[in-house]
Amino acid sequence: MTDALERDTLWEEFHRVVNMTSQELAAWLQVREADEEAAPLPREAGGATGDLVLAILQKRRADLTDDDVRVMYGVVDTVTEETDRAGRDAGHPPVDEDTGLRHRLMSLGHDPLRT
């Protein structure tokens, strides 16, 4: 279990990284489930993580479980790593031009085209 300060910091970071509303994410996950060619991020296999993110977005901070905290850390780490890698790899298109990466990040609640 994380302490209260660490949990508060994670809550703020998670909500900074997850920049889609729960309604937007729910709609996107329905679209993604219909797309058979949807490729998951390496550490976030399947649509299950998107469903977990959606559930977290619908919770109050006080209602978070240890599993929620693990998911939140994973989402923050994955989104940060993927967007950083896209920004620094010379041979990789920018995140706004990589539709596949954008769609995978959106499945975690992060739209890289949104500021």
N, C-alpha and C. Protein backbone atom coordinates (compact mmCIF):
# COMPACT_ATOMS: atom_id res chain seq x y z
N MET A 1 0.86 -1.18 0.00
CA MET A 1 0.00 0.00 0.00
C MET A 1 0.90 1.23 0.00
N THR A 2 0.52 2.20 -0.76
CA THR A 2 1.26 3.45 -0.82
C THR A 2 0.78 4.37 0.30
N ASP A 3 1.67 5.30 0.69
CA ASP A 3 1.23 6.26 1.71
C ASP A 3 0.35 7.32 1.05
N ALA A 4 -0.28 8.14 1.87
CA ALA A 4 -1.27 9.11 1.37
C ALA A 4 -0.65 10.12 0.42
N LEU A 5 0.55 10.62 0.71
CA LEU A 5 1.20 11.59 -0.15
C LEU A 5 1.55 10.98 -1.51
N GLU A 6 2.09 9.77 -1.48
CA GLU A 6 2.43 9.08 -2.73
C GLU A 6 1.18 8.81 -3.56
N ARG A 7 0.11 8.41 -2.91
CA ARG A 7 -1.15 8.14 -3.61
C ARG A 7 -1.72 9.42 -4.21
N ASP A 8 -1.64 10.53 -3.49
CA ASP A 8 -2.11 11.81 -4.00
C ASP A 8 -1.31 12.25 -5.22
N THR A 9 0.00 12.07 -5.14
CA THR A 9 0.88 12.42 -6.27
C THR A 9 0.55 11.56 -7.48
N LEU A 10 0.38 10.26 -7.26
CA LEU A 10 0.03 9.35 -8.35
C LEU A 10 -1.32 9.73 -8.95
N TRP A 11 -2.29 10.05 -8.11
CA TRP A 11 -3.63 10.45 -8.57
C TRP A 11 -3.52 11.64 -9.54
N GLU A 12 -2.75 12.64 -9.13
CA GLU A 12 -2.57 13.84 -9.97
C GLU A 12 -1.85 13.51 -11.28
N GLU A 13 -0.80 12.71 -11.21
CA GLU A 13 -0.04 12.33 -12.40
C GLU A 13 -0.90 11.49 -13.34
N PHE A 14 -1.64 10.56 -12.80
CA PHE A 14 -2.52 9.71 -13.61
C PHE A 14 -3.54 10.56 -14.35
N HIS A 15 -4.14 11.51 -13.66
CA HIS A 15 -5.15 12.36 -14.29
C HIS A 15 -4.53 13.39 -15.25
N ARG A 16 -3.26 13.67 -15.13
CA ARG A 16 -2.58 14.51 -16.12
C ARG A 16 -2.32 13.69 -17.39
N VAL A 17 -1.87 12.45 -17.20
CA VAL A 17 -1.56 11.58 -18.34
C VAL A 17 -2.82 11.11 -19.04
N VAL A 18 -3.82 10.71 -18.28
CA VAL A 18 -5.09 10.25 -18.85
C VAL A 18 -5.91 11.51 -19.11
N ASN A 19 -5.82 11.98 -20.35
CA ASN A 19 -6.44 13.26 -20.70
C ASN A 19 -7.76 13.11 -21.45
N MET A 20 -8.29 11.89 -21.49
CA MET A 20 -9.60 11.66 -22.08
C MET A 20 -10.61 11.50 -20.95
N THR A 21 -11.83 11.94 -21.18
CA THR A 21 -12.87 11.75 -20.18
C THR A 21 -13.30 10.29 -20.18
N SER A 22 -14.01 9.89 -19.14
CA SER A 22 -14.49 8.51 -19.09
C SER A 22 -15.44 8.22 -20.26
N GLN A 23 -16.23 9.21 -20.67
CA GLN A 23 -17.14 9.02 -21.80
C GLN A 23 -16.36 8.84 -23.12
N GLU A 24 -15.33 9.65 -23.29
CA GLU A 24 -14.50 9.53 -24.50
C GLU A 24 -13.78 8.19 -24.53
N LEU A 25 -13.23 7.78 -23.40
CA LEU A 25 -12.52 6.50 -23.34
C LEU A 25 -13.47 5.34 -23.59
N ALA A 26 -14.64 5.37 -23.00
CA ALA A 26 -15.62 4.29 -23.20
C ALA A 26 -15.98 4.17 -24.68
N ALA A 27 -16.22 5.30 -25.33
CA ALA A 27 -16.55 5.28 -26.75
C ALA A 27 -15.38 4.75 -27.57
N TRP A 28 -14.16 5.17 -27.23
CA TRP A 28 -12.98 4.72 -27.96
C TRP A 28 -12.77 3.22 -27.78
N LEU A 29 -12.94 2.71 -26.57
CA LEU A 29 -12.75 1.28 -26.34
C LEU A 29 -13.76 0.45 -27.13
N GLN A 30 -14.95 0.96 -27.31
CA GLN A 30 -15.93 0.24 -28.14
C GLN A 30 -15.48 0.20 -29.58
N VAL A 31 -14.91 1.29 -30.07
CA VAL A 31 -14.39 1.33 -31.45
C VAL A 31 -13.22 0.36 -31.58
N ARG A 32 -12.31 0.38 -30.59
CA ARG A 32 -11.13 -0.48 -30.64
C ARG A 32 -11.50 -1.95 -30.59
N GLU A 33 -12.50 -2.32 -29.81
CA GLU A 33 -12.91 -3.71 -29.73
C GLU A 33 -13.43 -4.21 -31.07
N ALA A 34 -13.97 -3.31 -31.86
CA ALA A 34 -14.48 -3.68 -33.17
C ALA A 34 -13.36 -3.81 -34.20
N ASP A 35 -12.18 -3.28 -33.90
CA ASP A 35 -11.04 -3.31 -34.81
C ASP A 35 -10.18 -4.53 -34.52
N GLU A 36 -10.25 -5.54 -35.36
CA GLU A 36 -9.52 -6.78 -35.15
C GLU A 36 -8.01 -6.60 -35.25
N GLU A 37 -7.55 -5.53 -35.92
CA GLU A 37 -6.13 -5.33 -36.12
C GLU A 37 -5.51 -4.44 -35.04
N ALA A 38 -6.25 -4.14 -34.00
CA ALA A 38 -5.75 -3.28 -32.92
C ALA A 38 -4.57 -3.94 -32.23
N ALA A 39 -3.42 -3.26 -32.22
CA ALA A 39 -2.21 -3.81 -31.61
C ALA A 39 -2.02 -3.22 -30.22
N PRO A 40 -1.89 -4.08 -29.21
CA PRO A 40 -1.70 -3.57 -27.84
C PRO A 40 -0.28 -3.06 -27.62
N LEU A 41 -0.11 -2.20 -26.65
CA LEU A 41 1.23 -1.81 -26.23
C LEU A 41 1.87 -3.03 -25.59
N PRO A 42 3.19 -3.17 -25.67
CA PRO A 42 3.85 -4.39 -25.19
C PRO A 42 3.50 -4.78 -23.75
N ARG A 43 3.45 -3.84 -22.83
CA ARG A 43 3.19 -4.18 -21.43
C ARG A 43 1.73 -4.05 -21.07
N GLU A 44 0.89 -3.70 -22.01
CA GLU A 44 -0.52 -3.45 -21.73
C GLU A 44 -1.39 -4.31 -22.65
N ALA A 45 -1.16 -5.62 -22.61
CA ALA A 45 -1.83 -6.52 -23.54
C ALA A 45 -3.34 -6.45 -23.42
N GLY A 46 -3.98 -6.44 -24.57
CA GLY A 46 -5.44 -6.50 -24.62
C GLY A 46 -6.13 -5.23 -24.19
N GLY A 47 -7.45 -5.25 -24.29
CA GLY A 47 -8.23 -4.09 -23.92
C GLY A 47 -8.53 -4.03 -22.44
N ALA A 48 -8.08 -5.02 -21.69
CA ALA A 48 -8.39 -5.06 -20.26
C ALA A 48 -7.85 -3.84 -19.53
N THR A 49 -6.69 -3.36 -19.89
CA THR A 49 -6.13 -2.20 -19.20
C THR A 49 -6.99 -0.97 -19.45
N GLY A 50 -7.47 -0.79 -20.65
CA GLY A 50 -8.36 0.33 -20.94
C GLY A 50 -9.61 0.27 -20.09
N ASP A 51 -10.14 -0.93 -19.91
CA ASP A 51 -11.33 -1.09 -19.06
C ASP A 51 -11.01 -0.75 -17.60
N LEU A 52 -9.81 -1.12 -17.16
CA LEU A 52 -9.40 -0.79 -15.79
C LEU A 52 -9.22 0.71 -15.62
N VAL A 53 -8.64 1.36 -16.63
CA VAL A 53 -8.48 2.82 -16.59
C VAL A 53 -9.86 3.47 -16.50
N LEU A 54 -10.78 2.99 -17.30
CA LEU A 54 -12.15 3.52 -17.28
C LEU A 54 -12.76 3.38 -15.88
N ALA A 55 -12.58 2.22 -15.26
CA ALA A 55 -13.12 2.01 -13.92
C ALA A 55 -12.48 2.96 -12.91
N ILE A 56 -11.17 3.20 -13.04
CA ILE A 56 -10.48 4.12 -12.13
C ILE A 56 -11.00 5.54 -12.30
N LEU A 57 -11.25 5.94 -13.54
CA LEU A 57 -11.76 7.28 -13.80
C LEU A 57 -13.12 7.51 -13.14
N GLN A 58 -13.83 6.44 -12.91
CA GLN A 58 -15.16 6.55 -12.32
C GLN A 58 -15.14 6.42 -10.80
N LYS A 59 -13.94 6.33 -10.22
CA LYS A 59 -13.81 6.19 -8.76
C LYS A 59 -13.39 7.50 -8.11
N ARG A 60 -13.62 7.53 -6.80
CA ARG A 60 -13.06 8.61 -5.99
C ARG A 60 -11.68 8.15 -5.52
N ARG A 61 -10.81 9.09 -5.27
CA ARG A 61 -9.45 8.78 -4.81
C ARG A 61 -9.48 7.86 -3.58
N ALA A 62 -10.39 8.11 -2.67
CA ALA A 62 -10.46 7.32 -1.43
C ALA A 62 -10.86 5.86 -1.67
N ASP A 63 -11.43 5.57 -2.84
CA ASP A 63 -11.90 4.22 -3.14
C ASP A 63 -10.90 3.37 -3.92
N LEU A 64 -9.70 3.90 -4.16
CA LEU A 64 -8.70 3.16 -4.93
C LEU A 64 -8.24 1.91 -4.18
N THR A 65 -8.04 0.83 -4.93
CA THR A 65 -7.50 -0.40 -4.37
C THR A 65 -6.01 -0.49 -4.72
N ASP A 66 -5.33 -1.44 -4.13
CA ASP A 66 -3.92 -1.66 -4.47
C ASP A 66 -3.78 -2.02 -5.95
N ASP A 67 -4.72 -2.78 -6.48
CA ASP A 67 -4.70 -3.12 -7.91
C ASP A 67 -4.85 -1.86 -8.77
N ASP A 68 -5.72 -0.96 -8.36
CA ASP A 68 -5.89 0.31 -9.08
C ASP A 68 -4.57 1.09 -9.10
N VAL A 69 -3.90 1.12 -7.97
CA VAL A 69 -2.62 1.84 -7.87
C VAL A 69 -1.61 1.23 -8.83
N ARG A 70 -1.53 -0.08 -8.90
CA ARG A 70 -0.61 -0.75 -9.83
C ARG A 70 -0.94 -0.39 -11.28
N VAL A 71 -2.21 -0.39 -11.62
CA VAL A 71 -2.63 -0.03 -12.98
C VAL A 71 -2.25 1.42 -13.26
N MET A 72 -2.49 2.29 -12.31
CA MET A 72 -2.18 3.71 -12.50
C MET A 72 -0.69 3.92 -12.74
N TYR A 73 0.15 3.26 -11.94
CA TYR A 73 1.60 3.35 -12.16
C TYR A 73 1.97 2.84 -13.55
N GLY A 74 1.38 1.71 -13.94
CA GLY A 74 1.68 1.14 -15.25
C GLY A 74 1.28 2.06 -16.39
N VAL A 75 0.12 2.68 -16.29
CA VAL A 75 -0.35 3.58 -17.34
C VAL A 75 0.54 4.82 -17.42
N VAL A 76 0.86 5.41 -16.28
CA VAL A 76 1.73 6.59 -16.27
C VAL A 76 3.08 6.24 -16.89
N ASP A 77 3.67 5.11 -16.48
CA ASP A 77 4.97 4.71 -17.01
C ASP A 77 4.91 4.43 -18.51
N THR A 78 3.90 3.69 -18.94
CA THR A 78 3.79 3.33 -20.36
C THR A 78 3.59 4.56 -21.24
N VAL A 79 2.67 5.42 -20.87
CA VAL A 79 2.40 6.61 -21.67
C VAL A 79 3.65 7.50 -21.72
N THR A 80 4.30 7.68 -20.58
CA THR A 80 5.50 8.51 -20.54
C THR A 80 6.60 7.93 -21.41
N GLU A 81 6.85 6.63 -21.28
CA GLU A 81 7.90 5.98 -22.07
C GLU A 81 7.61 6.04 -23.57
N GLU A 82 6.38 5.74 -23.95
CA GLU A 82 6.03 5.72 -25.37
C GLU A 82 6.10 7.11 -26.00
N THR A 83 5.62 8.12 -25.31
CA THR A 83 5.66 9.46 -25.87
C THR A 83 7.09 10.00 -25.88
N ASP A 84 7.88 9.68 -24.86
CA ASP A 84 9.29 10.09 -24.85
C ASP A 84 10.05 9.42 -25.98
N ARG A 85 9.84 8.12 -26.18
CA ARG A 85 10.54 7.37 -27.22
C ARG A 85 10.18 7.93 -28.60
N ALA A 86 8.91 8.23 -28.82
CA ALA A 86 8.48 8.78 -30.11
C ALA A 86 9.09 10.15 -30.34
N GLY A 87 9.35 10.89 -29.28
CA GLY A 87 9.93 12.22 -29.41
C GLY A 87 11.42 12.22 -29.64
N ARG A 88 12.11 11.12 -29.28
CA ARG A 88 13.56 11.14 -29.39
C ARG A 88 14.13 10.20 -30.45
N ASP A 89 13.38 9.20 -30.90
CA ASP A 89 13.89 8.28 -31.91
C ASP A 89 13.89 8.93 -33.28
N ALA A 90 15.06 9.06 -33.86
CA ALA A 90 15.20 9.74 -35.15
C ALA A 90 14.41 9.04 -36.25
N GLY A 91 14.38 7.71 -36.23
CA GLY A 91 13.69 6.97 -37.28
C GLY A 91 12.21 6.77 -37.03
N HIS A 92 11.72 7.27 -35.93
CA HIS A 92 10.33 7.07 -35.55
C HIS A 92 9.54 8.33 -35.88
N PRO A 93 8.38 8.18 -36.51
CA PRO A 93 7.59 9.39 -36.79
C PRO A 93 7.11 10.03 -35.49
N PRO A 94 6.91 11.33 -35.50
CA PRO A 94 6.37 11.99 -34.30
C PRO A 94 5.04 11.36 -33.92
N VAL A 95 4.72 11.42 -32.64
CA VAL A 95 3.52 10.75 -32.14
C VAL A 95 2.27 11.24 -32.86
N ASP A 96 2.23 12.49 -33.31
CA ASP A 96 1.04 12.99 -33.99
C ASP A 96 0.92 12.44 -35.41
N GLU A 97 2.00 11.82 -35.93
CA GLU A 97 1.95 11.22 -37.27
C GLU A 97 1.88 9.70 -37.22
N ASP A 98 2.03 9.11 -36.05
CA ASP A 98 2.00 7.66 -35.89
C ASP A 98 0.61 7.25 -35.40
N THR A 99 -0.25 6.95 -36.35
CA THR A 99 -1.64 6.62 -36.02
C THR A 99 -1.73 5.40 -35.11
N GLY A 100 -0.91 4.39 -35.35
CA GLY A 100 -0.95 3.20 -34.52
C GLY A 100 -0.60 3.49 -33.07
N LEU A 101 0.45 4.27 -32.86
CA LEU A 101 0.84 4.65 -31.50
C LEU A 101 -0.25 5.49 -30.86
N ARG A 102 -0.77 6.44 -31.60
CA ARG A 102 -1.84 7.29 -31.04
C ARG A 102 -3.02 6.43 -30.60
N HIS A 103 -3.43 5.49 -31.42
CA HIS A 103 -4.57 4.66 -31.08
C HIS A 103 -4.29 3.78 -29.87
N ARG A 104 -3.07 3.24 -29.76
CA ARG A 104 -2.73 2.42 -28.59
C ARG A 104 -2.74 3.26 -27.32
N LEU A 105 -2.20 4.49 -27.41
CA LEU A 105 -2.20 5.36 -26.24
C LEU A 105 -3.62 5.78 -25.87
N MET A 106 -4.46 5.99 -26.86
CA MET A 106 -5.85 6.34 -26.58
C MET A 106 -6.57 5.20 -25.87
N SER A 107 -6.15 3.96 -26.11
CA SER A 107 -6.74 2.82 -25.42
C SER A 107 -6.39 2.82 -23.94
N LEU A 108 -5.41 3.64 -23.55
CA LEU A 108 -5.05 3.81 -22.14
C LEU A 108 -5.59 5.13 -21.60
N GLY A 109 -6.35 5.87 -22.43
CA GLY A 109 -6.94 7.11 -21.98
C GLY A 109 -6.12 8.35 -22.28
N HIS A 110 -5.06 8.21 -23.10
CA HIS A 110 -4.20 9.33 -23.42
C HIS A 110 -4.27 9.65 -24.91
N ASP A 111 -4.77 10.82 -25.24
CA ASP A 111 -4.77 11.28 -26.63
C ASP A 111 -3.59 12.23 -26.79
N PRO A 112 -2.54 11.82 -27.51
CA PRO A 112 -1.34 12.63 -27.62
C PRO A 112 -1.55 13.92 -28.43
N LEU A 113 -2.65 14.03 -29.14
CA LEU A 113 -2.91 15.24 -29.91
C LEU A 113 -3.58 16.32 -29.05
N ARG A 114 -3.96 15.95 -27.85
CA ARG A 114 -4.61 16.88 -26.93
C ARG A 114 -3.55 17.49 -26.02
N THR A 115 -3.66 18.79 -25.80
CA THR A 115 -2.66 19.42 -24.92
C THR A 115 -3.18 19.56 -23.52
